[in-house]
Protein backbone atom coordinates (compact mmCIF):
# COMPACT_ATOMS: atom_id res chain seq x y z
CA UNK A 1 36.86 166.56 240.96
CA UNK A 2 35.99 163.04 239.70
CA UNK A 3 32.41 163.56 241.02
CA UNK A 4 32.23 166.86 239.10
CA UNK A 5 33.50 165.18 236.01
CA UNK A 6 30.17 163.05 235.87
CA UNK A 7 32.16 160.19 234.30
CA UNK A 8 30.06 157.29 233.13
CA UNK A 9 30.97 153.77 231.81
CA UNK A 10 32.06 153.76 228.11
CA UNK A 11 33.23 157.49 228.16
CA UNK A 12 36.44 158.22 226.38
CA UNK A 13 38.58 160.11 228.76
CA UNK A 14 41.71 162.51 228.43
CA UNK A 15 43.55 163.19 231.61
CA UNK A 16 46.31 165.97 231.76
CA UNK A 17 48.97 165.06 234.24
CA UNK A 18 49.42 161.39 234.97
CA UNK A 19 51.43 161.83 238.12
CA UNK A 20 51.93 158.42 239.74
CA UNK A 21 48.86 156.98 237.96
CA UNK A 22 46.32 156.83 240.79
CA UNK A 23 43.79 159.20 239.21
CA UNK A 24 44.07 157.43 235.82
CA UNK A 25 43.44 154.09 237.54
CA UNK A 26 40.28 155.44 239.04
CA UNK A 27 39.26 156.78 235.58
CA UNK A 28 39.91 153.41 234.02
CA UNK A 29 37.82 151.56 236.76
CA UNK A 30 34.94 153.91 236.10
CA UNK A 31 35.05 154.37 232.31
CA UNK A 32 36.19 150.88 231.30
CA UNK A 33 39.40 149.33 229.90
CA UNK A 34 41.12 151.11 227.02
CA UNK A 35 39.14 154.29 227.24
CA UNK A 36 41.51 156.47 229.24
CA UNK A 37 44.49 158.46 227.83
CA UNK A 38 46.77 160.32 230.24
CA UNK A 39 49.39 162.75 229.31
CA UNK A 40 52.51 163.47 231.39
CA UNK A 41 55.19 166.05 230.50
CA UNK A 42 57.88 164.31 232.58
CA UNK A 43 59.23 161.20 230.85
CA UNK A 44 60.39 159.50 234.06
CA UNK A 45 57.17 160.13 235.73
CA UNK A 46 55.27 158.92 232.74
CA UNK A 47 57.32 155.64 232.70
CA UNK A 48 56.59 155.24 236.50
CA UNK A 49 52.89 155.77 235.97
CA UNK A 50 52.85 153.26 233.01
CA UNK A 51 54.54 150.57 235.17
CA UNK A 52 52.19 151.18 238.22
CA UNK A 53 49.04 151.07 235.97
CA UNK A 54 50.10 147.91 234.21
CA UNK A 55 50.94 146.35 237.52
CA UNK A 56 47.26 147.20 238.66
CA UNK A 57 45.83 145.78 235.57
CA UNK A 58 44.54 149.14 234.36
CA UNK A 59 44.48 149.41 230.55
CA UNK A 60 45.36 153.11 230.32
CA UNK A 61 47.28 154.70 227.53
CA UNK A 62 50.21 156.87 229.00
CA UNK A 63 51.51 159.38 226.63
CA UNK A 64 54.48 161.77 227.10
CA UNK A 65 53.85 165.34 226.06
CA UNK A 66 52.62 168.86 227.12
CA UNK A 67 49.06 168.64 228.32
CA UNK A 68 48.27 172.05 227.09
CA UNK A 69 48.17 170.58 223.56
CA UNK A 70 45.93 167.72 224.72
CA UNK A 71 46.22 164.56 222.75
CA UNK A 72 44.42 164.96 219.29
CA UNK A 73 45.17 161.35 218.23
CA UNK A 74 42.50 160.11 220.64
CA UNK A 75 39.91 162.85 220.14
CA UNK A 76 37.07 163.44 220.40
CA UNK A 77 36.75 162.82 224.17
CA UNK A 78 33.62 162.66 226.30
CA UNK A 79 35.52 163.92 229.38
CA UNK A 80 38.73 165.85 229.95
CA UNK A 81 40.28 166.37 233.32
CA UNK A 82 43.44 168.22 234.53
CA UNK A 83 45.34 167.39 237.68
CA UNK A 84 47.26 170.68 237.57
CA UNK A 85 46.10 174.33 237.56
CA UNK A 86 45.93 176.54 234.61
CA UNK A 87 45.50 180.31 234.41
CA UNK A 88 43.80 180.04 231.03
CA UNK A 89 41.96 176.95 229.77
CA UNK A 90 43.75 175.68 226.61
CA UNK A 91 41.48 175.96 223.58
CA UNK A 92 42.85 172.68 222.41
CA UNK A 93 40.94 171.01 225.28
CA UNK A 94 37.54 172.30 223.95
CA UNK A 95 38.51 171.42 220.40
CA UNK A 96 39.22 167.83 221.41
CA UNK A 97 36.03 167.37 223.49
CA UNK A 98 32.79 166.44 221.82
CA UNK A 99 29.73 168.85 222.02
CA UNK A 100 28.07 168.23 225.32
CA UNK A 101 31.36 166.75 226.77
CA UNK A 102 32.62 167.87 230.08
CA UNK A 103 35.99 169.42 231.21
CA UNK A 104 37.11 169.65 234.86
CA UNK A 105 40.22 171.63 235.67
CA UNK A 106 41.69 173.68 238.62
CA UNK A 107 41.93 177.24 237.76
CA UNK A 108 44.42 179.83 239.07
CA UNK A 109 45.59 177.55 242.00
CA UNK A 110 42.41 178.45 244.01
CA UNK A 111 39.33 176.83 242.62
CA UNK A 112 38.23 174.30 240.09
CA UNK A 113 35.56 174.58 237.32
CA UNK A 114 33.50 172.19 235.34
CA UNK A 115 32.88 173.27 231.72
CA UNK A 116 30.30 171.83 229.22
CA UNK A 117 31.27 172.24 225.57
CA UNK A 118 28.50 173.93 223.52
CA UNK A 119 26.51 172.05 220.89
CA UNK A 120 28.43 173.96 218.09
CA UNK A 121 31.89 173.45 219.72
CA UNK A 122 32.62 177.16 219.73
CA UNK A 123 32.49 177.65 223.46
CA UNK A 124 32.43 175.91 226.90
CA UNK A 125 30.88 177.24 230.06
CA UNK A 126 30.12 175.99 233.51
CA UNK A 127 30.06 176.55 237.28
CA UNK A 128 32.86 176.67 239.88
CA UNK A 129 32.88 173.47 241.78
CA UNK A 130 34.90 174.43 244.93
CA UNK A 131 38.15 175.54 246.40
CA UNK A 132 41.30 173.68 245.60
CA UNK A 133 45.01 174.42 245.42
CA UNK A 134 46.99 172.71 242.68
CA UNK A 135 50.52 172.94 241.38
CA UNK A 136 50.55 175.07 238.17
CA UNK A 137 51.43 173.89 234.68
CA UNK A 138 55.02 173.00 234.29
CA UNK A 139 55.26 174.92 231.07
CA UNK A 140 53.97 178.17 232.66
CA UNK A 141 56.85 180.63 233.13
CA UNK A 142 57.60 181.28 236.75
CA UNK A 143 58.22 184.93 236.75
CA UNK A 144 56.61 185.93 240.15
CA UNK A 145 58.75 186.96 242.94
CA UNK A 146 58.09 185.68 246.49
CA UNK A 147 56.63 187.73 249.35
CA UNK A 148 60.13 188.10 250.87
CA UNK A 149 61.70 189.14 247.56
CA UNK A 150 59.01 191.78 247.02
CA UNK A 151 59.04 193.01 250.64
CA UNK A 152 62.79 193.42 250.62
CA UNK A 153 64.76 194.22 253.71
CA UNK A 154 61.96 195.10 256.14
CA UNK A 155 62.54 198.90 255.68
CA UNK A 156 59.85 201.38 256.46
CA UNK A 157 56.60 201.37 254.60
CA UNK A 158 55.77 203.98 251.92
CA UNK A 159 52.37 204.43 253.41
CA UNK A 160 50.58 203.61 256.62
CA UNK A 161 47.10 204.15 257.73
CA UNK A 162 44.16 202.66 259.52
CA UNK A 163 41.81 200.65 257.33
CA UNK A 164 38.26 199.45 258.09
CA UNK A 165 39.09 195.86 257.02
CA UNK A 166 39.77 193.00 259.39
CA UNK A 167 42.61 190.71 258.28
CA UNK A 168 40.32 187.88 259.36
CA UNK A 169 38.30 188.47 256.27
CA UNK A 170 41.34 187.41 254.15
CA UNK A 171 40.87 183.87 255.45
CA UNK A 172 37.51 183.38 254.05
CA UNK A 173 37.42 181.20 250.95
CA UNK A 174 34.68 183.10 249.23
CA UNK A 175 36.48 186.46 249.80
CA UNK A 176 39.72 184.89 248.44
CA UNK A 177 37.96 183.72 245.36
CA UNK A 178 36.49 187.13 244.51
CA UNK A 179 39.98 188.68 245.07
CA UNK A 180 41.36 186.04 242.77
CA UNK A 181 38.80 187.05 240.12
CA UNK A 182 39.17 190.83 240.43
CA UNK A 183 42.92 191.05 241.33
CA UNK A 184 44.42 187.96 239.59
CA UNK A 185 48.03 188.96 240.18
CA UNK A 186 47.68 189.65 243.88
CA UNK A 187 48.57 186.84 246.24
CA UNK A 188 46.96 186.84 249.68
CA UNK A 189 47.76 184.90 252.80
CA UNK A 190 47.38 185.22 256.57
CA UNK A 191 49.29 184.21 259.63
CA UNK A 192 47.74 183.63 263.12
CA UNK A 193 50.08 184.67 265.98
CA UNK A 194 50.28 183.09 269.37
CA UNK A 195 47.83 185.53 270.80
CA UNK A 196 45.28 184.59 268.02
CA UNK A 197 45.77 187.85 266.30
CA UNK A 198 45.61 187.53 262.49
CA UNK A 199 47.99 189.37 260.08
CA UNK A 200 47.31 189.60 256.43
CA UNK A 201 49.97 189.70 253.67
CA UNK A 202 49.56 190.92 250.12
CA UNK A 203 51.90 191.17 247.20
CA UNK A 204 51.71 191.33 243.40
CA UNK A 205 54.77 189.13 242.63
CA UNK A 206 56.57 192.15 241.21
CA UNK A 207 57.12 195.34 243.27
CA UNK A 208 54.12 196.06 245.52
CA UNK A 209 53.31 194.64 248.97
CA UNK A 210 51.08 195.32 251.93
CA UNK A 211 50.46 194.03 255.49
CA UNK A 212 47.27 194.24 257.58
CA UNK A 213 47.79 194.09 261.24
CA UNK A 214 44.64 193.69 263.35
CA UNK A 215 43.74 196.57 265.70
CA UNK A 216 41.32 194.39 267.57
CA UNK A 217 38.20 196.29 266.65
CA UNK A 218 37.44 195.01 263.22
CA UNK A 219 40.01 197.24 261.59
CA UNK A 220 43.58 197.01 260.64
CA UNK A 221 46.73 199.02 260.44
CA UNK A 222 47.81 198.92 256.75
CA UNK A 223 51.46 199.14 255.75
CA UNK A 224 52.14 199.41 252.01
CA UNK A 225 55.10 199.62 249.76
CA UNK A 226 55.73 199.89 245.97
CA UNK A 227 53.74 201.72 243.34
CA UNK A 228 50.45 200.15 244.20
CA UNK A 229 48.38 200.37 247.34
CA UNK A 230 47.30 196.70 247.58
CA UNK A 231 45.54 196.99 250.88
CA UNK A 232 43.37 199.70 249.52
CA UNK A 233 42.71 197.79 246.32
CA UNK A 234 41.55 194.76 248.41
CA UNK A 235 39.26 196.90 250.41
CA UNK A 236 37.63 198.31 247.36
CA UNK A 237 36.95 194.74 245.89
CA UNK A 238 35.62 193.43 249.18
CA UNK A 239 33.52 196.54 249.79
CA UNK A 240 31.97 196.15 246.21
CA UNK A 241 31.42 192.45 246.70
CA UNK A 242 29.70 193.12 250.04
CA UNK A 243 27.30 195.59 248.26
CA UNK A 244 26.36 192.74 245.93
CA UNK A 245 25.35 190.46 248.95
CA UNK A 246 28.74 188.59 248.94
CA UNK A 247 27.94 185.96 246.31
CA UNK A 248 29.80 182.70 247.12
CA UNK A 249 32.28 180.69 245.13
CA UNK A 250 29.31 178.54 243.84
CA UNK A 251 27.64 181.62 242.36
CA UNK A 252 30.47 181.99 239.91
CA UNK A 253 31.32 180.36 236.59
CA UNK A 254 33.42 180.66 233.57
CA UNK A 255 33.09 180.84 229.87
CA UNK A 256 35.84 179.88 227.52
CA UNK A 257 35.86 181.15 223.84
CA UNK A 258 38.47 180.68 221.17
CA UNK A 259 40.19 183.99 221.96
CA UNK A 260 39.40 184.68 225.55
CA UNK A 261 37.88 183.40 228.78
CA UNK A 262 36.05 185.23 231.50
CA UNK A 263 34.38 184.60 234.86
CA UNK A 264 30.79 185.60 235.43
CA UNK A 265 28.43 185.61 238.46
CA UNK A 266 24.99 183.87 238.66
CA UNK A 267 24.16 184.21 234.98
CA UNK A 268 26.58 183.32 232.18
CA UNK A 269 24.64 185.64 229.80
CA UNK A 270 25.41 188.60 232.09
CA UNK A 271 28.99 188.65 230.82
CA UNK A 272 32.27 189.20 232.71
CA UNK A 273 31.95 189.76 236.46
CA UNK A 274 32.07 193.44 237.52
CA UNK A 275 31.95 195.20 240.83
CA UNK A 276 29.27 197.92 241.36
CA UNK A 277 30.07 201.09 239.51
CA UNK A 278 32.87 199.40 237.37
CA UNK A 279 33.09 200.85 233.82
CA UNK A 280 35.73 198.32 232.73
CA UNK A 281 34.49 195.26 230.81
CA UNK A 282 34.81 193.07 233.91
CA UNK A 283 37.23 190.92 235.94
CA UNK A 284 38.65 187.55 235.23
CA UNK A 285 39.18 188.11 231.50
CA UNK A 286 42.31 186.49 230.06
CA UNK A 287 43.26 185.16 226.67
CA UNK A 288 42.68 181.54 225.81
CA UNK A 289 45.45 181.38 223.30
CA UNK A 290 48.74 182.58 224.82
CA UNK A 291 52.48 182.23 224.19
CA UNK A 292 52.55 179.59 226.91
CA UNK A 293 51.06 176.90 227.17
CA UNK A 294 33.22 178.28 235.88
CA UNK A 295 27.57 175.77 240.37
CA UNK A 296 27.38 172.07 240.49
């Protein structure tokens, strides 16, 4: 992430999430003394980071506050980096970054993106940089239910049928990314059994779930419950992605505007990513402003 930030000496830097201070110390070492501000929402953690940074001789300004608001007193910044994942990139980060400045943040707990602020300051766009799993913002409401809570008491499935989709596919990082873009509320994970058979698990954090159990011939037995048929939704997305030649994570990027953000594929001018035959405006669209608070 620090490599993606393209940080140079004399850059003014804003970090969201001080943690124990190590990342801020690295930023200070690269940018120079007195140029790094780090914001931490936890007062105790902020105090701990401040003590560690002072002991290391790093001249970092540690502030206590919600990183979603940035730190306007030190703006404009040349670089902004977040050490926690956001579902929607706060517009305050773009407003507080100079035109041409760079923002690197984990997105949606699965990947991270590097955005460059436009010359007029009215948008930011950039390529996905890789897969990464980070803790979410502490101010994001945790309303999702776990797999066990959604699945319930292991009663019979509402629907069972054979599906031409190997659960092994669900372990591919590029496939997981496109599922994250097209089905942002669906959580996907796999388990490898002692006999090396792979089982896939899907749920939407509310009321629908599915399992994919390998049949050993590239297909799976899908068991599903709840109002949605998640296994079929996943197959639809992966089939459409395959018809496009299976673009990788690094073919995707993100554009952030004052009122929304969206994920695109290969060309930012093409607009929001859509599967073949989709009539909806595209996947990966979400508001930039909300009640809370994407190639190298």
